Amino acid sequence: MLEWGICHLMATGVLSFNYNMADSPIKHAFWAIMLTHIREPHFYMIHRMMHPWRNPYIPDVGKFLYRHVHSLHHKSYNTTALSGTSMHPVESTMYYACSFLALPFGCHPIIPVAMIMDAGIGAWLGHGGFIFPGTGDMYHTIHHLVFDANYGTPNIPIDWMLGTFAATQDDVKGIWAKVNTKVGMENSETQVHAQSKSQKKVN
């Protein structure tokens, strides 16, 4: 639906864009090479927003969004590739809205479409569940196990910069040490099958 909307706005002249990539080759080469890295801060932002904020000075919108939207994705506790795009329609709309990032730059329509495709394929690869052989993201696997860490991807180290990075499952307690509440699996509202809970830790 987002793709339809973008294409309609371009076709009706509401959005200006390059009809030919050759008209601005450096710009399009940049976007083609960097589109994954450009969209990943957007992923961190919307993903972090859908987890509890734990800030006593503002309403916890993240807790509401987790309970009513993002918790559906977290039912995939022991992830497989298809867990990546198993999400609530509100979350998927926010996720694929990364394609809007290219619109102010007047890129050829293939760039926002490629960002939608990259988001989908990236989600499958990041939830593969196997590091080797496979393409699973170990740190995102830890996110699915403890919920309250590793909101981004290793390509852009935003988690490390903002203090939400956990190299092991036990690190989540250190991240939220100053918060007087349970974190991680102990505070998750997502029901997890007992057999999944009993699996070994990822370290």
C-alpha atoms as a PDB file:
ATOM      1  CA  MET A   1       0.000   0.000   0.000  1.00  0.00           C
ATOM      2  CA  LEU A   2       2.882   2.374   0.740  1.00  0.00           C
ATOM      3  CA  GLU A   3       4.352   1.595  -2.680  1.00  0.00           C
ATOM      4  CA  TRP A   4       1.012   2.304  -4.331  1.00  0.00           C
ATOM      5  CA  GLY A   5       0.788   5.628  -2.517  1.00  0.00           C
ATOM      6  CA  ILE A   6       4.308   6.675  -3.503  1.00  0.00           C
ATOM      7  CA  CYS A   7       3.789   5.698  -7.143  1.00  0.00           C
ATOM      8  CA  HIS A   8       0.419   7.504  -7.258  1.00  0.00           C
ATOM      9  CA  LEU A   9       1.904  10.713  -5.852  1.00  0.00           C
ATOM     10  CA  MET A  10       4.720  10.542  -8.396  1.00  0.00           C
ATOM     11  CA  ALA A  11       2.432   9.733 -11.311  1.00  0.00           C
ATOM     12  CA  THR A  12       0.081  12.631 -10.492  1.00  0.00           C
ATOM     13  CA  GLY A  13       2.921  15.144 -10.153  1.00  0.00           C
ATOM     14  CA  VAL A  14       2.560  15.715  -6.409  1.00  0.00           C
ATOM     15  CA  LEU A  15       6.116  14.437  -5.893  1.00  0.00           C
ATOM     16  CA  SER A  16       8.920  15.421  -8.218  1.00  0.00           C
ATOM     17  CA  PHE A  17      11.495  12.768  -9.078  1.00  0.00           C
ATOM     18  CA  ASN A  18      14.178  11.860 -11.602  1.00  0.00           C
ATOM     19  CA  TYR A  19      12.657  10.042 -14.564  1.00  0.00           C
ATOM     20  CA  ASN A  20      16.071   8.646 -15.448  1.00  0.00           C
ATOM     21  CA  MET A  21      18.742   7.645 -12.932  1.00  0.00           C
ATOM     22  CA  ALA A  22      21.319   8.815 -15.479  1.00  0.00           C
ATOM     23  CA  ASP A  23      20.134  12.392 -14.877  1.00  0.00           C
ATOM     24  CA  SER A  24      21.745  12.251 -11.415  1.00  0.00           C
ATOM     25  CA  PRO A  25      24.110   9.250 -11.420  1.00  0.00           C
ATOM     26  CA  ILE A  26      26.124  10.133  -8.296  1.00  0.00           C
ATOM     27  CA  LYS A  27      23.003  10.598  -6.193  1.00  0.00           C
ATOM     28  CA  HIS A  28      21.537   7.294  -7.322  1.00  0.00           C
ATOM     29  CA  ALA A  29      24.815   5.419  -6.901  1.00  0.00           C
ATOM     30  CA  PHE A  30      24.973   6.762  -3.325  1.00  0.00           C
ATOM     31  CA  TRP A  31      21.427   5.663  -2.545  1.00  0.00           C
ATOM     32  CA  ALA A  32      21.916   2.257  -4.170  1.00  0.00           C
ATOM     33  CA  ILE A  33      25.019   1.588  -2.066  1.00  0.00           C
ATOM     34  CA  MET A  34      23.822   3.179   1.179  1.00  0.00           C
ATOM     35  CA  LEU A  35      20.085   2.528   1.314  1.00  0.00           C
ATOM     36  CA  THR A  36      20.419  -0.295   3.876  1.00  0.00           C
ATOM     37  CA  HIS A  37      22.519   1.903   6.149  1.00  0.00           C
ATOM     38  CA  ILE A  38      20.192   4.884   5.681  1.00  0.00           C
ATOM     39  CA  ARG A  39      17.105   2.920   6.681  1.00  0.00           C
ATOM     40  CA  GLU A  40      18.644   1.223   9.740  1.00  0.00           C
ATOM     41  CA  PRO A  41      18.506   4.307  12.036  1.00  0.00           C
ATOM     42  CA  HIS A  42      14.820   4.521  11.078  1.00  0.00           C
ATOM     43  CA  PHE A  43      14.440   0.878  12.137  1.00  0.00           C
ATOM     44  CA  TYR A  44      16.098   1.571  15.493  1.00  0.00           C
ATOM     45  CA  MET A  45      13.845   4.568  16.093  1.00  0.00           C
ATOM     46  CA  ILE A  46      10.523   2.861  15.368  1.00  0.00           C
ATOM     47  CA  HIS A  47      11.598  -0.361  17.086  1.00  0.00           C
ATOM     48  CA  ARG A  48      12.775   1.401  20.240  1.00  0.00           C
ATOM     49  CA  MET A  49       9.548   3.405  20.272  1.00  0.00           C
ATOM     50  CA  MET A  50       7.527   0.163  20.479  1.00  0.00           C
ATOM     51  CA  HIS A  51       9.262  -1.069  23.651  1.00  0.00           C
ATOM     52  CA  PRO A  52       8.749   0.358  27.164  1.00  0.00           C
ATOM     53  CA  TRP A  53      10.464   3.728  27.544  1.00  0.00           C
ATOM     54  CA  ARG A  54      10.810   3.542  31.332  1.00  0.00           C
ATOM     55  CA  ASN A  55      11.060   7.307  31.673  1.00  0.00           C
ATOM     56  CA  PRO A  56       9.233   8.509  34.812  1.00  0.00           C
ATOM     57  CA  TYR A  57       8.717  12.015  33.408  1.00  0.00           C
ATOM     58  CA  ILE A  58       6.643  11.151  30.322  1.00  0.00           C
ATOM     59  CA  PRO A  59       3.765   8.758  29.564  1.00  0.00           C
ATOM     60  CA  ASP A  60       5.084   5.344  28.539  1.00  0.00           C
ATOM     61  CA  VAL A  61       3.741   5.215  24.978  1.00  0.00           C
ATOM     62  CA  GLY A  62       6.211   2.418  24.233  1.00  0.00           C
ATOM     63  CA  LYS A  63       4.592   0.136  26.794  1.00  0.00           C
ATOM     64  CA  PHE A  64       1.197   0.737  25.145  1.00  0.00           C
ATOM     65  CA  LEU A  65       2.596   0.089  21.663  1.00  0.00           C
ATOM     66  CA  TYR A  66       4.371  -3.050  22.842  1.00  0.00           C
ATOM     67  CA  ARG A  67       1.228  -4.454  24.448  1.00  0.00           C
ATOM     68  CA  HIS A  68      -1.107  -3.718  21.535  1.00  0.00           C
ATOM     69  CA  VAL A  69       1.197  -3.842  18.492  1.00  0.00           C
ATOM     70  CA  HIS A  70       4.765  -5.107  18.833  1.00  0.00           C
ATOM     71  CA  SER A  71       4.042  -8.035  21.166  1.00  0.00           C
ATOM     72  CA  LEU A  72       2.625  -9.907  18.162  1.00  0.00           C
ATOM     73  CA  HIS A  73       6.094  -9.946  16.606  1.00  0.00           C
ATOM     74  CA  HIS A  74       7.629 -11.092  19.895  1.00  0.00           C
ATOM     75  CA  LYS A  75       5.488 -14.207  19.968  1.00  0.00           C
ATOM     76  CA  SER A  76       8.323 -15.421  17.725  1.00  0.00           C
ATOM     77  CA  TYR A  77      10.593 -16.084  20.688  1.00  0.00           C
ATOM     78  CA  ASN A  78      12.740 -18.745  18.999  1.00  0.00           C
ATOM     79  CA  THR A  79      12.928 -17.037  15.606  1.00  0.00           C
ATOM     80  CA  THR A  80      12.936 -18.349  12.057  1.00  0.00           C
ATOM     81  CA  ALA A  81      13.415 -16.336   8.877  1.00  0.00           C
ATOM     82  CA  LEU A  82       9.675 -15.759   8.438  1.00  0.00           C
ATOM     83  CA  SER A  83       9.460 -14.348  11.975  1.00  0.00           C
ATOM     84  CA  GLY A  84      11.046 -11.222  10.510  1.00  0.00           C
ATOM     85  CA  THR A  85       7.907 -10.100   8.694  1.00  0.00           C
ATOM     86  CA  SER A  86       5.418 -11.613  11.134  1.00  0.00           C
ATOM     87  CA  MET A  87       4.110  -8.376  12.609  1.00  0.00           C
ATOM     88  CA  HIS A  88       1.040  -6.253  13.293  1.00  0.00           C
ATOM     89  CA  PRO A  89      -0.198  -4.093  10.362  1.00  0.00           C
ATOM     90  CA  VAL A  90       0.571  -0.918  12.334  1.00  0.00           C
ATOM     91  CA  GLU A  91       4.149  -2.082  12.877  1.00  0.00           C
ATOM     92  CA  SER A  92       4.630  -3.163   9.270  1.00  0.00           C
ATOM     93  CA  THR A  93       3.383   0.234   8.054  1.00  0.00           C
ATOM     94  CA  MET A  94       5.882   1.996  10.318  1.00  0.00           C
ATOM     95  CA  TYR A  95       8.653  -0.406   9.275  1.00  0.00           C
ATOM     96  CA  TYR A  96       8.175  -0.072   5.512  1.00  0.00           C
ATOM     97  CA  ALA A  97       7.718   3.703   5.829  1.00  0.00           C
ATOM     98  CA  CYS A  98      11.527   3.795   5.621  1.00  0.00           C
ATOM     99  CA  SER A  99      10.855   4.184   1.885  1.00  0.00           C
ATOM    100  CA  PHE A 100       9.714   7.770   2.575  1.00  0.00           C
ATOM    101  CA  LEU A 101      13.288   8.721   3.488  1.00  0.00           C
ATOM    102  CA  ALA A 102      14.232   8.926  -0.208  1.00  0.00           C
ATOM    103  CA  LEU A 103      11.267  11.066  -1.293  1.00  0.00           C
ATOM    104  CA  PRO A 104      12.642  14.532  -0.386  1.00  0.00           C
ATOM    105  CA  PHE A 105      15.685  13.848  -2.585  1.00  0.00           C
ATOM    106  CA  GLY A 106      13.698  13.315  -5.793  1.00  0.00           C
ATOM    107  CA  CYS A 107      15.140   9.861  -6.395  1.00  0.00           C
ATOM    108  CA  HIS A 108      13.951   7.591  -9.185  1.00  0.00           C
ATOM    109  CA  PRO A 109      10.995   5.435  -7.990  1.00  0.00           C
ATOM    110  CA  ILE A 110      13.199   2.332  -7.880  1.00  0.00           C
ATOM    111  CA  ILE A 111      14.992   3.713  -4.785  1.00  0.00           C
ATOM    112  CA  PRO A 112      11.970   3.800  -2.418  1.00  0.00           C
ATOM    113  CA  VAL A 113      10.798   0.471  -3.868  1.00  0.00           C
ATOM    114  CA  ALA A 114      14.277  -0.988  -3.267  1.00  0.00           C
ATOM    115  CA  MET A 115      14.110   0.233   0.343  1.00  0.00           C
ATOM    116  CA  ILE A 116      10.826  -1.641   0.822  1.00  0.00           C
ATOM    117  CA  MET A 117      12.401  -4.774  -0.656  1.00  0.00           C
ATOM    118  CA  ASP A 118      15.555  -4.367   1.439  1.00  0.00           C
ATOM    119  CA  ALA A 119      13.483  -3.986   4.606  1.00  0.00           C
ATOM    120  CA  GLY A 120      11.618  -7.226   3.903  1.00  0.00           C
ATOM    121  CA  ILE A 121      14.669  -9.259   2.950  1.00  0.00           C
ATOM    122  CA  GLY A 122      16.687  -7.748   5.813  1.00  0.00           C
ATOM    123  CA  ALA A 123      13.994  -8.826   8.278  1.00  0.00           C
ATOM    124  CA  TRP A 124      14.127 -12.407   6.986  1.00  0.00           C
ATOM    125  CA  LEU A 125      17.920 -12.517   7.136  1.00  0.00           C
ATOM    126  CA  GLY A 126      18.058 -10.969  10.603  1.00  0.00           C
ATOM    127  CA  HIS A 127      15.690 -13.535  12.090  1.00  0.00           C
ATOM    128  CA  GLY A 128      17.184 -16.631  10.463  1.00  0.00           C
ATOM    129  CA  GLY A 129      18.041 -18.180  13.808  1.00  0.00           C
ATOM    130  CA  PHE A 130      21.357 -19.606  12.625  1.00  0.00           C
ATOM    131  CA  ILE A 131      24.618 -17.701  12.413  1.00  0.00           C
ATOM    132  CA  PHE A 132      26.421 -20.308  10.306  1.00  0.00           C
ATOM    133  CA  PRO A 133      25.248 -21.863   8.131  1.00  0.00           C
ATOM    134  CA  GLY A 134      22.734 -19.126   7.730  1.00  0.00           C
ATOM    135  CA  THR A 135      22.382 -15.389   8.090  1.00  0.00           C
ATOM    136  CA  GLY A 136      20.852 -14.903  11.531  1.00  0.00           C
ATOM    137  CA  ASP A 137      21.773 -11.846  13.567  1.00  0.00           C
ATOM    138  CA  MET A 138      22.964 -13.142  16.960  1.00  0.00           C
ATOM    139  CA  TYR A 139      22.317  -9.802  18.654  1.00  0.00           C
ATOM    140  CA  HIS A 140      18.756  -9.634  17.361  1.00  0.00           C
ATOM    141  CA  THR A 141      18.265 -13.209  18.541  1.00  0.00           C
ATOM    142  CA  ILE A 142      19.297 -11.975  22.002  1.00  0.00           C
ATOM    143  CA  HIS A 143      16.708  -9.198  21.598  1.00  0.00           C
ATOM    144  CA  HIS A 144      13.992 -11.784  21.066  1.00  0.00           C
ATOM    145  CA  LEU A 145      15.174 -13.698  24.135  1.00  0.00           C
ATOM    146  CA  VAL A 146      15.367 -10.757  26.570  1.00  0.00           C
ATOM    147  CA  PHE A 147      13.231  -8.057  24.833  1.00  0.00           C
ATOM    148  CA  ASP A 148      14.898  -5.003  26.402  1.00  0.00           C
ATOM    149  CA  ALA A 149      18.143  -4.621  24.432  1.00  0.00           C
ATOM    150  CA  ASN A 150      19.573  -4.633  20.877  1.00  0.00           C
ATOM    151  CA  TYR A 151      16.836  -2.658  19.154  1.00  0.00           C
ATOM    152  CA  GLY A 152      18.927  -1.946  16.059  1.00  0.00           C
ATOM    153  CA  THR A 153      21.345  -3.861  13.861  1.00  0.00           C
ATOM    154  CA  PRO A 154      25.136  -4.361  14.044  1.00  0.00           C
ATOM    155  CA  ASN A 155      25.707  -2.423  10.787  1.00  0.00           C
ATOM    156  CA  ILE A 156      24.992   0.926  12.469  1.00  0.00           C
ATOM    157  CA  PRO A 157      25.997   0.672  16.164  1.00  0.00           C
ATOM    158  CA  ILE A 158      23.207   2.854  17.558  1.00  0.00           C
ATOM    159  CA  ASP A 159      22.595   0.422  20.428  1.00  0.00           C
ATOM    160  CA  TRP A 160      26.218   0.764  21.472  1.00  0.00           C
ATOM    161  CA  MET A 161      26.074   4.570  21.206  1.00  0.00           C
ATOM    162  CA  LEU A 162      22.823   4.873  23.192  1.00  0.00           C
ATOM    163  CA  GLY A 163      23.604   2.245  25.823  1.00  0.00           C
ATOM    164  CA  THR A 164      21.091  -0.411  24.752  1.00  0.00           C
ATOM    165  CA  PHE A 165      23.597  -2.954  23.434  1.00  0.00           C
ATOM    166  CA  ALA A 166      23.765  -6.427  25.001  1.00  0.00           C
ATOM    167  CA  ALA A 167      26.449  -8.877  23.902  1.00  0.00           C
ATOM    168  CA  THR A 168      24.878 -11.654  26.019  1.00  0.00           C
ATOM    169  CA  GLN A 169      21.476 -12.280  27.563  1.00  0.00           C
ATOM    170  CA  ASP A 170      22.754 -11.329  31.025  1.00  0.00           C
ATOM    171  CA  ASP A 171      23.865  -7.862  29.859  1.00  0.00           C
ATOM    172  CA  VAL A 172      20.257  -6.615  29.770  1.00  0.00           C
ATOM    173  CA  LYS A 173      20.246  -6.304  33.578  1.00  0.00           C
ATOM    174  CA  GLY A 174      23.206  -3.928  33.436  1.00  0.00           C
ATOM    175  CA  ILE A 175      21.519  -1.754  30.814  1.00  0.00           C
ATOM    176  CA  TRP A 176      18.523  -1.139  33.068  1.00  0.00           C
ATOM    177  CA  ALA A 177      20.355  -1.277  36.438  1.00  0.00           C
ATOM    178  CA  LYS A 178      19.114   2.219  37.384  1.00  0.00           C
ATOM    179  CA  VAL A 179      15.480   1.343  36.696  1.00  0.00           C
ATOM    180  CA  ASN A 180      13.579   0.033  39.686  1.00  0.00           C
ATOM    181  CA  THR A 181      11.640  -2.614  37.774  1.00  0.00           C
ATOM    182  CA  LYS A 182      12.052  -6.064  36.333  1.00  0.00           C
ATOM    183  CA  VAL A 183      13.452  -6.180  32.809  1.00  0.00           C
ATOM    184  CA  GLY A 184      13.939  -8.726  30.087  1.00  0.00           C
ATOM    185  CA  MET A 185      12.052 -11.994  30.213  1.00  0.00           C
ATOM    186  CA  GLU A 186      10.919 -11.310  33.783  1.00  0.00           C
ATOM    187  CA  ASN A 187       8.911  -8.270  32.673  1.00  0.00           C
ATOM    188  CA  SER A 188       7.644  -9.377  29.267  1.00  0.00           C
ATOM    189  CA  GLU A 189       3.910  -9.429  28.609  1.00  0.00           C
ATOM    190  CA  THR A 190       4.400 -11.795  25.676  1.00  0.00           C
ATOM    191  CA  GLN A 191       3.389 -15.357  26.388  1.00  0.00           C
ATOM    192  CA  VAL A 192       6.185 -17.768  25.523  1.00  0.00           C
ATOM    193  CA  HIS A 193       5.824 -21.517  25.155  1.00  0.00           C
ATOM    194  CA  ALA A 194       7.393 -23.320  28.124  1.00  0.00           C
ATOM    195  CA  GLN A 195       9.579 -25.457  25.862  1.00  0.00           C
ATOM    196  CA  SER A 196      11.070 -22.310  24.299  1.00  0.00           C
ATOM    197  CA  LYS A 197      11.857 -20.851  27.723  1.00  0.00           C
ATOM    198  CA  SER A 198      13.857 -23.918  28.644  1.00  0.00           C
ATOM    199  CA  GLN A 199      16.291 -23.594  25.750  1.00  0.00           C
ATOM    200  CA  LYS A 200      19.950 -22.824  26.434  1.00  0.00           C
ATOM    201  CA  LYS A 201      21.188 -19.276  26.635  1.00  0.00           C
ATOM    202  CA  VAL A 202      22.820 -17.590  23.644  1.00  0.00           C
ATOM    203  CA  ASN A 203      26.259 -16.329  24.751  1.00  0.00           C
END
